[in-house]
């Protein structure tokens, strides 16, 4: 597995990974209505817009993208791993690489609005819950956990 910067041509594959996770895994913790709205915001076009404003990394294995993570200022966003690669340290590798990048930039703390689904993962990686928050997105209530890690 290699980790490299996101490229524009990665947008379709990254979108597919995110949508599959939302519709298969995150649906266990969130309403279908909310997941459907999120899916609209994870289109290749929207991901290209996001990637222009932040640092974006992808994990690649055998020529296929298997994970993504983005850093906007000191906030982690769009952290997803291909479903068949869950539990194989892809997410941890992406997160550790992003943390090193943040440290090089002089960022001392990283934050993430973790989904209910990902709280356990971030906790295992040393992130602490600040608080549970109801955060509306496009008018739909949803729960996230604000988390932080000092680097």
Protein backbone atom coordinates (compact mmCIF):
# COMPACT_ATOMS: atom_id res chain seq x y z
CA UNK A 1 0.00 0.00 0.00
CA UNK A 2 1.16 3.50 -0.81
CA UNK A 3 -0.25 6.78 0.44
CA UNK A 4 -0.10 9.73 -1.91
CA UNK A 5 -1.75 13.06 -2.56
CA UNK A 6 -5.26 13.03 -4.00
CA UNK A 7 -5.42 13.69 -7.76
CA UNK A 8 -8.41 14.97 -9.71
CA UNK A 9 -8.75 11.63 -11.49
CA UNK A 10 -9.28 9.97 -8.07
CA UNK A 11 -12.62 11.68 -7.50
CA UNK A 12 -14.85 8.96 -8.96
CA UNK A 13 -13.20 6.13 -7.02
CA UNK A 14 -13.14 8.13 -3.78
CA UNK A 15 -16.81 9.04 -4.18
CA UNK A 16 -17.69 5.36 -4.67
CA UNK A 17 -15.82 4.36 -1.50
CA UNK A 18 -17.54 7.05 0.55
CA UNK A 19 -21.02 6.33 -0.80
CA UNK A 20 -20.63 2.57 -0.25
CA UNK A 21 -19.59 3.18 3.36
CA UNK A 22 -22.46 5.58 3.98
CA UNK A 23 -25.09 3.30 2.46
CA UNK A 24 -23.75 0.06 3.98
CA UNK A 25 -22.05 0.91 7.28
CA UNK A 26 -23.13 4.37 8.47
CA UNK A 27 -26.79 3.61 7.71
CA UNK A 28 -26.71 1.49 10.89
CA UNK A 29 -26.28 4.66 12.98
CA UNK A 30 -28.10 7.31 10.92
CA UNK A 31 -31.43 7.73 9.16
CA UNK A 32 -31.80 6.93 5.47
CA UNK A 33 -32.93 10.52 4.94
CA UNK A 34 -29.66 11.82 6.38
CA UNK A 35 -27.51 9.30 4.46
CA UNK A 36 -29.26 10.24 1.19
CA UNK A 37 -28.42 13.91 1.76
CA UNK A 38 -24.80 13.08 2.59
CA UNK A 39 -24.49 10.97 -0.57
CA UNK A 40 -25.40 14.04 -2.63
CA UNK A 41 -22.54 15.92 -0.99
CA UNK A 42 -20.02 13.18 -1.72
CA UNK A 43 -20.26 13.32 -5.51
CA UNK A 44 -17.01 13.43 -7.49
CA UNK A 45 -17.65 17.10 -8.28
CA UNK A 46 -18.12 18.05 -4.61
CA UNK A 47 -15.04 16.06 -3.62
CA UNK A 48 -12.96 17.93 -6.20
CA UNK A 49 -14.17 21.21 -4.68
CA UNK A 50 -13.26 20.00 -1.19
CA UNK A 51 -9.85 18.71 -2.24
CA UNK A 52 -8.93 22.11 -3.67
CA UNK A 53 -9.38 23.71 -0.24
CA UNK A 54 -7.47 21.19 1.88
CA UNK A 55 -4.81 18.52 2.03
CA UNK A 56 -6.19 15.26 0.68
CA UNK A 57 -4.48 11.88 0.72
CA UNK A 58 -5.45 8.52 -0.72
CA UNK A 59 -4.26 5.00 0.01
CA UNK A 60 -3.61 2.90 -3.08
CA UNK A 61 -3.07 -0.84 -3.38
CA UNK A 62 -2.49 -2.69 -6.66
CA UNK A 63 -3.47 0.46 -8.57
CA UNK A 64 -6.85 0.84 -6.80
CA UNK A 65 -7.78 3.50 -4.29
CA UNK A 66 -8.70 1.89 -0.98
CA UNK A 67 -8.98 4.90 1.33
CA UNK A 68 -9.12 8.67 1.65
CA UNK A 69 -8.58 11.34 4.28
CA UNK A 70 -8.66 15.14 4.13
CA UNK A 71 -7.31 17.88 6.40
CA UNK A 72 -8.87 21.33 6.38
CA UNK A 73 -6.78 23.61 8.61
CA UNK A 74 -6.63 21.42 11.74
CA UNK A 75 -9.87 19.46 11.08
CA UNK A 76 -9.97 15.92 9.69
CA UNK A 77 -12.72 15.31 7.14
CA UNK A 78 -13.76 12.63 4.65
CA UNK A 79 -11.97 9.73 6.31
CA UNK A 80 -13.19 6.54 4.62
CA UNK A 81 -11.72 3.14 3.76
CA UNK A 82 -13.02 0.68 1.18
CA UNK A 83 -15.36 -1.74 2.95
CA UNK A 84 -13.33 -4.82 2.02
CA UNK A 85 -10.26 -3.19 3.63
CA UNK A 86 -11.79 -2.41 7.04
CA UNK A 87 -9.67 -3.76 9.88
CA UNK A 88 -6.47 -3.90 7.83
CA UNK A 89 -4.80 -0.73 9.17
CA UNK A 90 -5.55 1.35 6.07
CA UNK A 91 -7.39 3.96 8.11
CA UNK A 92 -4.72 4.04 10.80
CA UNK A 93 -1.99 4.44 8.15
CA UNK A 94 -3.85 7.31 6.50
CA UNK A 95 -4.44 9.00 9.85
CA UNK A 96 -0.83 8.63 10.97
CA UNK A 97 0.41 10.08 7.67
CA UNK A 98 -1.97 13.03 8.03
CA UNK A 99 -0.85 13.59 11.61
CA UNK A 100 2.80 13.73 10.49
CA UNK A 101 1.85 16.23 7.79
CA UNK A 102 0.05 18.36 10.37
CA UNK A 103 3.05 18.27 12.71
CA UNK A 104 5.34 19.43 9.89
CA UNK A 105 2.98 22.36 9.38
CA UNK A 106 3.17 23.30 13.04
CA UNK A 107 -0.35 22.13 13.86
CA UNK A 108 -0.35 21.01 17.49
CA UNK A 109 -3.88 19.63 17.75
CA UNK A 110 -6.20 17.88 15.31
CA UNK A 111 -9.97 17.81 15.61
CA UNK A 112 -12.61 15.67 13.98
CA UNK A 113 -16.38 15.61 14.04
CA UNK A 114 -16.64 11.85 14.23
CA UNK A 115 -19.70 9.95 13.17
CA UNK A 116 -21.21 7.57 15.70
CA UNK A 117 -19.81 4.84 13.45
CA UNK A 118 -16.18 5.99 13.70
CA UNK A 119 -15.86 6.98 17.38
CA UNK A 120 -14.27 3.65 18.32
CA UNK A 121 -11.68 3.96 15.56
CA UNK A 122 -10.64 7.48 16.55
CA UNK A 123 -10.54 6.54 20.23
CA UNK A 124 -8.16 3.65 19.45
CA UNK A 125 -5.97 6.16 17.57
CA UNK A 126 -5.65 8.44 20.61
CA UNK A 127 -8.46 10.93 19.99
CA UNK A 128 -10.53 12.07 22.96
CA UNK A 129 -14.21 12.95 22.93
CA UNK A 130 -14.83 16.58 23.79
CA UNK A 131 -18.60 16.31 23.55
CA UNK A 132 -21.52 14.75 21.73
CA UNK A 133 -23.30 17.31 19.54
CA UNK A 134 -26.52 17.44 17.55
CA UNK A 135 -25.42 19.12 14.33
CA UNK A 136 -28.00 19.87 11.66
CA UNK A 137 -26.87 19.22 8.11
CA UNK A 138 -29.14 20.52 5.35
CA UNK A 139 -31.91 20.81 7.92
CA UNK A 140 -31.58 17.21 9.15
CA UNK A 141 -30.47 16.61 12.73
CA UNK A 142 -27.55 14.27 13.20
CA UNK A 143 -25.23 13.34 16.02
CA UNK A 144 -21.45 13.72 15.88
CA UNK A 145 -18.74 13.48 18.47
CA UNK A 146 -16.30 16.37 18.56
CA UNK A 147 -12.91 14.77 19.18
CA UNK A 148 -9.37 16.08 19.59
CA UNK A 149 -5.80 14.81 19.69
CA UNK A 150 -2.70 16.68 20.74
CA UNK A 151 0.17 15.82 18.43
